């Protein structure tokens, strides 16, 4: 059985990771606020989130099965219709959560 009590060490690690994540993002925004961003760098920064999602999801689709492929199709369809990354990813996650127990 899993003990769901809050271990102080786990809480400390999660808080530390949260602070490092926030500091990384805030630091990046601070640096970009103090340098001139070329149009080329600006275009790279605009497509970077999509590239990161593909780098994370791509291997799962390549090694996954029908459930992952269907979820990928759902993501593509919703992204094509809405152009909203968050809604598309949430729909893909929901698809996996619904179909995985059935297959």
N, C-alpha and C. Protein backbone atom coordinates (compact mmCIF):
# COMPACT_ATOMS: atom_id res chain seq x y z
N UNK A 1 0.84 -1.17 0.00
CA UNK A 1 0.00 0.00 0.00
C UNK A 1 0.89 1.24 0.00
N UNK A 2 0.49 2.25 -0.68
CA UNK A 2 1.25 3.49 -0.78
C UNK A 2 0.89 4.40 0.38
N UNK A 3 1.91 4.90 1.06
CA UNK A 3 1.71 5.84 2.16
C UNK A 3 1.63 7.25 1.58
N UNK A 4 0.50 7.90 1.73
CA UNK A 4 0.29 9.21 1.13
C UNK A 4 0.63 10.35 2.08
N UNK A 5 1.30 10.07 3.18
CA UNK A 5 1.71 11.12 4.12
C UNK A 5 2.77 11.99 3.45
N UNK A 6 2.76 13.27 3.80
CA UNK A 6 3.73 14.19 3.22
C UNK A 6 5.08 14.03 3.91
N UNK A 7 6.03 13.54 3.17
CA UNK A 7 7.39 13.41 3.67
C UNK A 7 8.07 14.77 3.54
N UNK A 8 8.61 15.33 4.61
CA UNK A 8 9.24 16.66 4.53
C UNK A 8 10.35 16.74 3.49
N UNK A 9 11.08 15.66 3.29
CA UNK A 9 12.14 15.68 2.28
C UNK A 9 11.56 15.82 0.88
N UNK A 10 10.46 15.12 0.62
CA UNK A 10 9.83 15.20 -0.70
C UNK A 10 9.27 16.61 -0.92
N UNK A 11 8.62 17.16 0.09
CA UNK A 11 8.09 18.52 -0.02
C UNK A 11 9.22 19.50 -0.29
N UNK A 12 10.34 19.35 0.41
CA UNK A 12 11.48 20.25 0.22
C UNK A 12 12.03 20.14 -1.20
N UNK A 13 12.13 18.93 -1.71
CA UNK A 13 12.65 18.74 -3.07
C UNK A 13 11.70 19.35 -4.10
N UNK A 14 10.40 19.14 -3.94
CA UNK A 14 9.43 19.71 -4.87
C UNK A 14 9.48 21.23 -4.82
N UNK A 15 9.55 21.81 -3.64
CA UNK A 15 9.65 23.27 -3.53
C UNK A 15 10.94 23.79 -4.15
N UNK A 16 12.05 23.09 -3.94
CA UNK A 16 13.32 23.51 -4.53
C UNK A 16 13.26 23.45 -6.05
N UNK A 17 12.67 22.38 -6.59
CA UNK A 17 12.55 22.28 -8.05
C UNK A 17 11.64 23.37 -8.59
N UNK A 18 10.59 23.70 -7.86
CA UNK A 18 9.70 24.78 -8.29
C UNK A 18 10.43 26.11 -8.32
N UNK A 19 11.22 26.38 -7.30
CA UNK A 19 11.98 27.63 -7.26
C UNK A 19 13.00 27.71 -8.39
N UNK A 20 13.68 26.61 -8.67
CA UNK A 20 14.66 26.60 -9.76
C UNK A 20 13.97 26.80 -11.10
N UNK A 21 12.82 26.16 -11.28
CA UNK A 21 12.07 26.33 -12.53
C UNK A 21 11.63 27.78 -12.70
N UNK A 22 11.10 28.37 -11.64
CA UNK A 22 10.67 29.76 -11.71
C UNK A 22 11.86 30.68 -11.97
N UNK A 23 12.96 30.45 -11.27
CA UNK A 23 14.14 31.30 -11.45
C UNK A 23 14.68 31.21 -12.88
N UNK A 24 14.64 30.02 -13.45
CA UNK A 24 15.09 29.86 -14.83
C UNK A 24 14.23 30.67 -15.78
N UNK A 25 12.92 30.56 -15.62
CA UNK A 25 12.02 31.30 -16.51
C UNK A 25 12.14 32.80 -16.28
N UNK A 26 12.13 33.24 -15.03
CA UNK A 26 12.25 34.67 -14.73
C UNK A 26 13.59 35.21 -15.20
N UNK A 27 14.65 34.43 -15.03
CA UNK A 27 15.96 34.86 -15.49
C UNK A 27 16.02 35.02 -17.00
N UNK A 28 15.40 34.09 -17.70
CA UNK A 28 15.36 34.20 -19.16
C UNK A 28 14.59 35.43 -19.61
N UNK A 29 13.47 35.70 -18.97
CA UNK A 29 12.70 36.90 -19.31
C UNK A 29 13.48 38.16 -18.98
N UNK A 30 14.21 38.15 -17.87
CA UNK A 30 15.01 39.31 -17.49
C UNK A 30 16.11 39.56 -18.52
N UNK A 31 16.79 38.49 -18.93
CA UNK A 31 17.86 38.63 -19.93
C UNK A 31 17.30 39.16 -21.23
N UNK A 32 16.18 38.61 -21.69
CA UNK A 32 15.59 39.07 -22.95
C UNK A 32 15.11 40.51 -22.86
N UNK A 33 14.80 40.98 -21.66
CA UNK A 33 14.40 42.37 -21.49
C UNK A 33 15.57 43.33 -21.55
N UNK A 34 16.79 42.82 -21.46
CA UNK A 34 17.97 43.68 -21.44
C UNK A 34 18.85 43.54 -22.68
N UNK A 35 18.44 42.76 -23.64
CA UNK A 35 19.21 42.62 -24.88
C UNK A 35 18.29 42.87 -26.06
N UNK A 36 18.89 43.25 -27.16
CA UNK A 36 18.13 43.41 -28.39
C UNK A 36 17.95 42.04 -29.04
N UNK A 37 16.72 41.71 -29.34
CA UNK A 37 16.41 40.42 -29.94
C UNK A 37 16.26 40.62 -31.44
N UNK A 38 17.07 39.90 -32.20
CA UNK A 38 17.00 40.02 -33.65
C UNK A 38 15.72 39.36 -34.16
N UNK A 39 15.26 39.74 -35.34
CA UNK A 39 14.07 39.09 -35.89
C UNK A 39 14.24 37.58 -36.04
N UNK A 40 15.45 37.16 -36.36
CA UNK A 40 15.70 35.72 -36.51
C UNK A 40 15.54 35.00 -35.17
N UNK A 41 16.13 35.56 -34.10
CA UNK A 41 15.98 34.95 -32.77
C UNK A 41 14.53 34.99 -32.32
N UNK A 42 13.83 36.07 -32.63
CA UNK A 42 12.41 36.18 -32.27
C UNK A 42 11.61 35.07 -32.93
N UNK A 43 11.89 34.78 -34.20
CA UNK A 43 11.15 33.71 -34.88
C UNK A 43 11.49 32.35 -34.28
N UNK A 44 12.74 32.15 -33.86
CA UNK A 44 13.12 30.90 -33.20
C UNK A 44 12.37 30.75 -31.88
N UNK A 45 12.31 31.82 -31.10
CA UNK A 45 11.63 31.77 -29.80
C UNK A 45 10.14 31.52 -29.95
N UNK A 46 9.55 31.95 -31.06
CA UNK A 46 8.12 31.74 -31.28
C UNK A 46 7.79 30.28 -31.55
N UNK A 47 8.68 29.54 -32.21
CA UNK A 47 8.40 28.14 -32.54
C UNK A 47 9.00 27.17 -31.52
N UNK A 48 9.76 27.66 -30.57
CA UNK A 48 10.43 26.80 -29.59
C UNK A 48 9.46 25.94 -28.77
N UNK A 49 8.34 26.48 -28.26
CA UNK A 49 7.44 25.62 -27.48
C UNK A 49 6.92 24.41 -28.28
N UNK A 50 6.59 24.63 -29.53
CA UNK A 50 6.12 23.52 -30.36
C UNK A 50 7.21 22.48 -30.57
N UNK A 51 8.44 22.94 -30.77
CA UNK A 51 9.56 22.01 -30.95
C UNK A 51 9.80 21.19 -29.69
N UNK A 52 9.64 21.81 -28.54
CA UNK A 52 9.82 21.08 -27.28
C UNK A 52 8.74 20.02 -27.11
N UNK A 53 7.50 20.37 -27.45
CA UNK A 53 6.40 19.40 -27.35
C UNK A 53 6.67 18.22 -28.28
N UNK A 54 7.10 18.50 -29.50
CA UNK A 54 7.39 17.42 -30.45
C UNK A 54 8.53 16.54 -29.92
N UNK A 55 9.56 17.15 -29.34
CA UNK A 55 10.68 16.38 -28.80
C UNK A 55 10.25 15.47 -27.65
N UNK A 56 9.26 15.89 -26.90
CA UNK A 56 8.78 15.08 -25.78
C UNK A 56 7.80 14.01 -26.25
N UNK A 57 6.88 14.39 -27.12
CA UNK A 57 5.79 13.49 -27.52
C UNK A 57 6.21 12.56 -28.66
N UNK A 58 7.10 13.00 -29.53
CA UNK A 58 7.50 12.22 -30.70
C UNK A 58 7.97 10.81 -30.38
N UNK A 59 8.91 10.64 -29.46
CA UNK A 59 9.35 9.28 -29.14
C UNK A 59 8.22 8.39 -28.59
N UNK A 60 7.32 8.97 -27.84
CA UNK A 60 6.19 8.19 -27.32
C UNK A 60 5.29 7.71 -28.46
N UNK A 61 5.07 8.57 -29.44
CA UNK A 61 4.27 8.16 -30.60
C UNK A 61 4.99 7.09 -31.41
N UNK A 62 6.31 7.22 -31.53
CA UNK A 62 7.08 6.26 -32.32
C UNK A 62 7.09 4.88 -31.68
N UNK A 63 7.12 4.82 -30.36
CA UNK A 63 7.18 3.53 -29.68
C UNK A 63 5.83 3.09 -29.12
N UNK A 64 4.83 3.96 -29.22
CA UNK A 64 3.52 3.66 -28.65
C UNK A 64 2.71 2.74 -29.53
N UNK A 65 1.50 2.53 -29.09
CA UNK A 65 0.58 1.67 -29.82
C UNK A 65 -0.62 2.45 -30.31
N UNK A 66 -1.70 1.75 -30.60
CA UNK A 66 -2.89 2.39 -31.17
C UNK A 66 -3.47 3.51 -30.30
N UNK A 67 -3.43 3.36 -28.99
CA UNK A 67 -3.98 4.40 -28.11
C UNK A 67 -3.21 5.70 -28.30
N UNK A 68 -1.90 5.62 -28.30
CA UNK A 68 -1.08 6.82 -28.47
C UNK A 68 -1.27 7.42 -29.86
N UNK A 69 -1.41 6.57 -30.87
CA UNK A 69 -1.60 7.07 -32.24
C UNK A 69 -2.95 7.78 -32.38
N UNK A 70 -3.98 7.21 -31.78
CA UNK A 70 -5.30 7.86 -31.81
C UNK A 70 -5.23 9.20 -31.08
N UNK A 71 -4.58 9.22 -29.92
CA UNK A 71 -4.44 10.47 -29.18
C UNK A 71 -3.66 11.50 -29.99
N UNK A 72 -2.63 11.07 -30.68
CA UNK A 72 -1.88 11.98 -31.56
C UNK A 72 -2.76 12.54 -32.66
N UNK A 73 -3.61 11.69 -33.23
CA UNK A 73 -4.55 12.16 -34.25
C UNK A 73 -5.55 13.16 -33.70
N UNK A 74 -6.02 12.91 -32.49
CA UNK A 74 -6.94 13.85 -31.84
C UNK A 74 -6.26 15.20 -31.63
N UNK A 75 -5.01 15.16 -31.17
CA UNK A 75 -4.26 16.40 -30.97
C UNK A 75 -4.11 17.15 -32.29
N UNK A 76 -3.72 16.45 -33.34
CA UNK A 76 -3.56 17.10 -34.65
C UNK A 76 -4.87 17.70 -35.15
N UNK A 77 -5.95 16.96 -35.02
CA UNK A 77 -7.25 17.44 -35.49
C UNK A 77 -7.68 18.69 -34.73
N UNK A 78 -7.57 18.66 -33.41
CA UNK A 78 -8.00 19.81 -32.62
C UNK A 78 -7.06 20.99 -32.84
N UNK A 79 -5.78 20.73 -32.99
CA UNK A 79 -4.83 21.81 -33.25
C UNK A 79 -5.13 22.46 -34.60
N UNK A 80 -5.46 21.64 -35.58
CA UNK A 80 -5.79 22.15 -36.92
C UNK A 80 -7.04 23.02 -36.87
N UNK A 81 -8.04 22.61 -36.07
CA UNK A 81 -9.30 23.35 -36.01
C UNK A 81 -9.24 24.57 -35.11
N UNK A 82 -8.53 24.48 -33.97
CA UNK A 82 -8.58 25.56 -32.99
C UNK A 82 -7.29 26.38 -32.91
N UNK A 83 -6.17 25.80 -33.34
CA UNK A 83 -4.85 26.42 -33.20
C UNK A 83 -4.53 26.75 -31.74
N UNK A 84 -5.06 25.94 -30.82
CA UNK A 84 -4.83 26.14 -29.40
C UNK A 84 -4.05 24.93 -28.87
N UNK A 85 -2.79 25.15 -28.53
CA UNK A 85 -1.92 24.05 -28.09
C UNK A 85 -2.43 23.43 -26.80
N UNK A 86 -2.83 24.26 -25.84
CA UNK A 86 -3.26 23.73 -24.54
C UNK A 86 -4.49 22.84 -24.67
N UNK A 87 -5.49 23.30 -25.40
CA UNK A 87 -6.71 22.49 -25.58
C UNK A 87 -6.37 21.19 -26.31
N UNK A 88 -5.51 21.28 -27.31
CA UNK A 88 -5.12 20.09 -28.07
C UNK A 88 -4.43 19.06 -27.18
N UNK A 89 -3.47 19.52 -26.38
CA UNK A 89 -2.76 18.59 -25.51
C UNK A 89 -3.68 18.00 -24.44
N UNK A 90 -4.56 18.81 -23.89
CA UNK A 90 -5.51 18.29 -22.89
C UNK A 90 -6.43 17.24 -23.51
N UNK A 91 -6.85 17.47 -24.75
CA UNK A 91 -7.68 16.48 -25.44
C UNK A 91 -6.91 15.19 -25.68
N UNK A 92 -5.64 15.31 -26.04
CA UNK A 92 -4.81 14.12 -26.23
C UNK A 92 -4.63 13.33 -24.95
N UNK A 93 -4.38 14.03 -23.86
CA UNK A 93 -4.24 13.37 -22.56
C UNK A 93 -5.54 12.69 -22.17
N UNK A 94 -6.66 13.37 -22.37
CA UNK A 94 -7.96 12.79 -22.05
C UNK A 94 -8.21 11.54 -22.89
N UNK A 95 -7.83 11.59 -24.16
CA UNK A 95 -8.00 10.43 -25.03
C UNK A 95 -7.22 9.23 -24.51
N UNK A 96 -5.98 9.45 -24.12
CA UNK A 96 -5.17 8.35 -23.58
C UNK A 96 -5.79 7.82 -22.29
N UNK A 97 -6.23 8.72 -21.41
CA UNK A 97 -6.81 8.28 -20.14
C UNK A 97 -8.09 7.47 -20.34
N UNK A 98 -8.87 7.81 -21.37
CA UNK A 98 -10.11 7.08 -21.63
C UNK A 98 -9.84 5.75 -22.33
N UNK A 99 -8.94 5.75 -23.32
CA UNK A 99 -8.75 4.55 -24.14
C UNK A 99 -7.80 3.52 -23.53
N UNK A 100 -6.82 3.95 -22.76
CA UNK A 100 -5.83 3.00 -22.24
C UNK A 100 -6.46 1.87 -21.42
N UNK A 101 -7.43 2.14 -20.54
CA UNK A 101 -8.04 1.02 -19.81
C UNK A 101 -8.86 0.08 -20.70
N UNK A 102 -9.28 0.56 -21.86
CA UNK A 102 -10.12 -0.25 -22.74
C UNK A 102 -9.32 -1.18 -23.64
N UNK A 103 -8.04 -0.86 -23.83
CA UNK A 103 -7.22 -1.65 -24.77
C UNK A 103 -6.28 -2.55 -24.01
